[in-house]
């Protein structure tokens, strides 16, 4: 977690990086809205994506805490915050993978279950490695791999004319701009730096993904209703 030392004073306490806190809050608000909207339906796709949004939102809130406090409450507290934020992000990556995989292959077979168990075991191993070495590079690498996988899957399903896939692919592509902005440290000022800009780009990318997921869930629900009606007519 990178730090800048812009701060404001609130009730006698120093709050570092207030703009970064606000842009993290923007991500959390987008995620909260997406979670509650998708949680209204109970399709597998809606549940998987709603969990993704919920966990990304929680990670953003915890990230705000880390940026706002810095080391004022001690190194142990900060390390705990940093690990929790990254651990939640890693679990969110799992749901992103699951949503893409479900979208690509609807067959519920032993291979799918085996692959899911392997992914869960690997995520558990990553968490243990992260705790042991206090290094989050592997999590970032895996996040990039899963996003790339999800992008490819949704480009393929977009070509198959599955509604919403194009929006999701577009949203994921925009999220890579966030990574680029952060890496190049593009900023307008010390008070609106690369972290703030990348957070806003991420909020936009999440909105685009949410729009795509909504269209996809609606398409799935309509197909389920159509299958149910066809079955009742046969019976």
Protein backbone atom coordinates (compact mmCIF):
# COMPACT_ATOMS: atom_id res chain seq x y z
CA UNK A 1 0.00 0.00 0.00
CA UNK A 2 1.52 3.30 -1.12
CA UNK A 3 1.19 6.42 1.01
CA UNK A 4 1.04 10.15 0.38
CA UNK A 5 1.02 12.61 3.23
CA UNK A 6 -1.81 14.96 2.37
CA UNK A 7 -4.08 15.12 5.41
CA UNK A 8 -6.92 16.89 7.13
CA UNK A 9 -7.73 17.20 10.80
CA UNK A 10 -11.09 15.93 12.07
CA UNK A 11 -12.03 16.23 15.76
CA UNK A 12 -8.36 16.59 16.63
CA UNK A 13 -7.28 13.49 14.70
CA UNK A 14 -5.17 13.46 11.55
CA UNK A 15 -6.91 11.81 8.59
CA UNK A 16 -4.39 11.08 5.86
CA UNK A 17 -5.21 11.06 2.13
CA UNK A 18 -8.82 12.29 2.42
CA UNK A 19 -9.38 12.30 -1.36
CA UNK A 20 -8.17 8.70 -1.60
CA UNK A 21 -10.67 7.79 1.12
CA UNK A 22 -13.46 9.45 -0.88
CA UNK A 23 -12.53 7.71 -4.14
CA UNK A 24 -12.38 4.38 -2.29
CA UNK A 25 -15.83 5.21 -0.95
CA UNK A 26 -17.03 5.76 -4.54
CA UNK A 27 -15.97 2.19 -5.38
CA UNK A 28 -17.71 0.90 -2.25
CA UNK A 29 -20.97 2.72 -3.12
CA UNK A 30 -20.99 1.32 -6.67
CA UNK A 31 -20.35 -2.16 -5.27
CA UNK A 32 -23.07 -1.83 -2.62
CA UNK A 33 -25.62 -0.74 -5.25
CA UNK A 34 -24.62 -3.62 -7.56
CA UNK A 35 -24.76 -6.15 -4.71
CA UNK A 36 -28.26 -5.19 -3.56
CA UNK A 37 -29.61 -5.06 -7.12
CA UNK A 38 -28.19 -8.46 -8.09
CA UNK A 39 -29.13 -10.02 -4.78
CA UNK A 40 -32.80 -9.66 -5.76
CA UNK A 41 -32.43 -12.66 -8.07
CA UNK A 42 -31.17 -16.14 -7.19
CA UNK A 43 -29.57 -17.39 -10.39
CA UNK A 44 -26.06 -18.79 -9.98
CA UNK A 45 -24.59 -16.00 -12.13
CA UNK A 46 -26.31 -13.27 -10.07
CA UNK A 47 -25.09 -14.80 -6.79
CA UNK A 48 -21.50 -15.14 -7.99
CA UNK A 49 -21.31 -11.59 -9.31
CA UNK A 50 -23.10 -10.14 -6.27
CA UNK A 51 -20.47 -11.77 -4.02
CA UNK A 52 -17.73 -10.32 -6.23
CA UNK A 53 -19.16 -6.81 -5.85
CA UNK A 54 -19.73 -7.24 -2.10
CA UNK A 55 -16.13 -8.32 -1.48
CA UNK A 56 -14.59 -5.62 -3.68
CA UNK A 57 -16.68 -3.05 -1.79
CA UNK A 58 -15.52 -4.39 1.58
CA UNK A 59 -11.90 -4.39 0.39
CA UNK A 60 -12.26 -0.74 -0.65
CA UNK A 61 -13.67 0.25 2.75
CA UNK A 62 -10.81 -1.51 4.54
CA UNK A 63 -8.37 0.15 2.12
CA UNK A 64 -9.82 3.52 3.11
CA UNK A 65 -9.09 2.70 6.74
CA UNK A 66 -5.47 1.86 5.92
CA UNK A 67 -4.92 5.04 3.91
CA UNK A 68 -6.61 7.22 6.49
CA UNK A 69 -4.80 5.88 9.54
CA UNK A 70 -1.36 4.99 8.11
CA UNK A 71 0.83 3.82 11.00
CA UNK A 72 -0.81 5.94 13.70
CA UNK A 73 -2.21 2.85 15.45
CA UNK A 74 1.01 0.86 15.13
CA UNK A 75 2.61 -1.44 12.60
CA UNK A 76 0.70 -4.54 13.76
CA UNK A 77 -2.66 -2.84 13.22
CA UNK A 78 -1.60 -1.67 9.76
CA UNK A 79 -0.34 -5.13 8.77
CA UNK A 80 -3.64 -6.63 9.89
CA UNK A 81 -5.59 -4.11 7.80
CA UNK A 82 -3.38 -4.69 4.77
CA UNK A 83 -3.67 -8.48 4.98
CA UNK A 84 -7.45 -8.39 5.48
CA UNK A 85 -7.90 -6.08 2.47
CA UNK A 86 -5.80 -8.33 0.22
CA UNK A 87 -7.36 -11.54 1.54
CA UNK A 88 -10.86 -10.25 0.76
CA UNK A 89 -9.68 -9.15 -2.69
CA UNK A 90 -8.33 -12.65 -3.31
CA UNK A 91 -11.70 -14.21 -2.43
CA UNK A 92 -13.36 -11.67 -4.75
CA UNK A 93 -11.01 -12.87 -7.50
CA UNK A 94 -12.35 -16.40 -6.91
CA UNK A 95 -15.94 -15.25 -7.50
CA UNK A 96 -14.85 -13.35 -10.62
CA UNK A 97 -13.30 -16.58 -11.91
CA UNK A 98 -16.38 -18.62 -10.97
CA UNK A 99 -18.73 -16.19 -12.72
CA UNK A 100 -16.65 -16.32 -15.91
CA UNK A 101 -16.31 -20.10 -15.77
CA UNK A 102 -20.05 -20.58 -15.19
CA UNK A 103 -20.73 -18.29 -18.11
CA UNK A 104 -18.40 -20.27 -20.38
CA UNK A 105 -19.43 -23.78 -19.40
CA UNK A 106 -22.90 -24.52 -18.04
CA UNK A 107 -22.26 -28.27 -17.67
CA UNK A 108 -22.27 -29.40 -14.03
CA UNK A 109 -19.90 -32.34 -14.24
CA UNK A 110 -17.14 -33.87 -12.14
CA UNK A 111 -14.45 -31.96 -14.01
CA UNK A 112 -16.10 -28.64 -13.11
CA UNK A 113 -16.32 -29.63 -9.43
CA UNK A 114 -12.73 -30.86 -9.44
CA UNK A 115 -11.51 -27.61 -11.00
CA UNK A 116 -13.45 -25.57 -8.43
CA UNK A 117 -11.89 -27.56 -5.57
CA UNK A 118 -8.42 -27.07 -7.06
CA UNK A 119 -9.01 -23.30 -7.30
CA UNK A 120 -10.22 -23.14 -3.68
CA UNK A 121 -7.17 -25.11 -2.51
CA UNK A 122 -4.86 -22.82 -4.48
CA UNK A 123 -6.47 -19.69 -3.00
CA UNK A 124 -6.01 -21.15 0.50
CA UNK A 125 -2.35 -21.82 -0.29
CA UNK A 126 -1.92 -18.24 -1.56
CA UNK A 127 -3.38 -16.87 1.68
CA UNK A 128 -0.94 -18.97 3.72
CA UNK A 129 2.00 -17.83 1.57
CA UNK A 130 0.87 -14.21 1.97
CA UNK A 131 0.69 -14.57 5.77
CA UNK A 132 4.11 -16.22 5.94
CA UNK A 133 6.03 -13.83 3.67
CA UNK A 134 3.90 -10.66 4.11
CA UNK A 135 4.11 -10.14 0.35
CA UNK A 136 1.06 -9.45 -1.82
CA UNK A 137 2.72 -9.65 -5.25
CA UNK A 138 1.29 -13.12 -5.94
CA UNK A 139 -2.24 -11.88 -5.26
CA UNK A 140 -1.78 -9.03 -7.74
CA UNK A 141 -0.42 -11.43 -10.37
CA UNK A 142 -3.36 -13.80 -9.92
CA UNK A 143 -5.81 -10.90 -10.08
CA UNK A 144 -4.33 -9.96 -13.46
CA UNK A 145 -4.56 -13.58 -14.69
CA UNK A 146 -8.20 -13.95 -13.63
CA UNK A 147 -9.18 -10.59 -15.15
CA UNK A 148 -7.51 -11.62 -18.42
CA UNK A 149 -9.33 -14.97 -18.35
CA UNK A 150 -12.66 -13.26 -17.65
CA UNK A 151 -12.02 -10.74 -20.45
CA UNK A 152 -11.34 -13.53 -22.98
CA UNK A 153 -14.40 -15.54 -21.86
CA UNK A 154 -16.73 -12.57 -22.21
CA UNK A 155 -15.31 -11.61 -25.61
CA UNK A 156 -16.04 -15.18 -26.75
CA UNK A 157 -19.57 -15.18 -25.31
CA UNK A 158 -20.19 -11.73 -26.80
CA UNK A 159 -19.40 -13.23 -30.21
CA UNK A 160 -21.93 -15.96 -29.35
CA UNK A 161 -24.52 -13.17 -28.94
CA UNK A 162 -24.94 -13.62 -25.17
CA UNK A 163 -26.44 -10.33 -23.87
CA UNK A 164 -24.30 -8.40 -21.40
CA UNK A 165 -21.01 -10.09 -22.29
CA UNK A 166 -19.83 -7.11 -24.35
CA UNK A 167 -20.44 -4.69 -21.47
CA UNK A 168 -18.59 -6.96 -19.03
CA UNK A 169 -15.64 -7.30 -21.41
CA UNK A 170 -15.60 -3.52 -21.91
CA UNK A 171 -15.68 -2.95 -18.14
CA UNK A 172 -12.77 -5.34 -17.57
CA UNK A 173 -10.78 -3.63 -20.35
CA UNK A 174 -11.38 -0.26 -18.65
CA UNK A 175 -10.12 -1.74 -15.35
CA UNK A 176 -6.72 -2.31 -16.98
CA UNK A 177 -6.56 1.48 -17.54
CA UNK A 178 -6.79 1.81 -13.77
CA UNK A 179 -3.73 -0.43 -13.37
CA UNK A 180 -1.88 1.55 -16.06
CA UNK A 181 -2.72 4.90 -14.42
CA UNK A 182 -1.53 3.62 -11.05
CA UNK A 183 1.68 2.14 -12.47
CA UNK A 184 2.60 5.30 -14.40
CA UNK A 185 1.66 7.46 -11.38
CA UNK A 186 -0.43 9.84 -13.51
CA UNK A 187 -1.75 12.65 -11.34
CA UNK A 188 -3.29 16.12 -11.51
CA UNK A 189 -1.90 17.27 -8.16
CA UNK A 190 -0.80 15.94 -4.79
CA UNK A 191 -4.43 16.14 -3.70
CA UNK A 192 -5.71 14.25 -6.75
CA UNK A 193 -3.01 11.73 -7.54
CA UNK A 194 -2.64 8.43 -9.42
CA UNK A 195 -4.48 6.51 -6.69
CA UNK A 196 -7.50 8.81 -6.84
CA UNK A 197 -7.68 8.72 -10.64
CA UNK A 198 -7.28 4.94 -10.76
CA UNK A 199 -10.01 4.52 -8.12
CA UNK A 200 -12.45 6.58 -10.20
CA UNK A 201 -11.59 4.59 -13.33
CA UNK A 202 -12.21 1.42 -11.33
CA UNK A 203 -15.60 2.73 -10.18
CA UNK A 204 -16.55 3.36 -13.82
CA UNK A 205 -15.33 -0.10 -14.86
CA UNK A 206 -17.44 -1.69 -12.10
CA UNK A 207 -20.51 0.20 -13.29
CA UNK A 208 -19.93 -1.10 -16.83
CA UNK A 209 -19.50 -4.66 -15.55
CA UNK A 210 -22.66 -4.31 -13.45
CA UNK A 211 -24.66 -3.16 -16.49
CA UNK A 212 -23.44 -6.23 -18.37
CA UNK A 213 -24.24 -8.58 -15.49
CA UNK A 214 -27.77 -7.14 -15.26
CA UNK A 215 -28.38 -7.85 -18.95
CA UNK A 216 -26.91 -11.34 -18.61
CA UNK A 217 -29.01 -12.19 -15.54
CA UNK A 218 -32.15 -10.93 -17.28
CA UNK A 219 -31.33 -13.13 -20.28
CA UNK A 220 -30.79 -16.18 -18.03
CA UNK A 221 -34.04 -15.54 -16.14
CA UNK A 222 -36.01 -15.21 -19.39
CA UNK A 223 -34.52 -18.48 -20.66
CA UNK A 224 -35.39 -20.25 -17.41
CA UNK A 225 -38.96 -18.93 -17.63
CA UNK A 226 -39.21 -19.99 -21.26
CA UNK A 227 -37.92 -23.49 -20.43
CA UNK A 228 -40.42 -23.72 -17.57
CA UNK A 229 -43.32 -22.71 -19.82
CA UNK A 230 -42.26 -25.15 -22.51
CA UNK A 231 -42.07 -27.95 -19.92
CA UNK A 232 -45.53 -27.16 -18.57
CA UNK A 233 -46.95 -27.23 -22.11
CA UNK A 234 -45.42 -30.68 -22.71
CA UNK A 235 -46.76 -32.01 -19.39
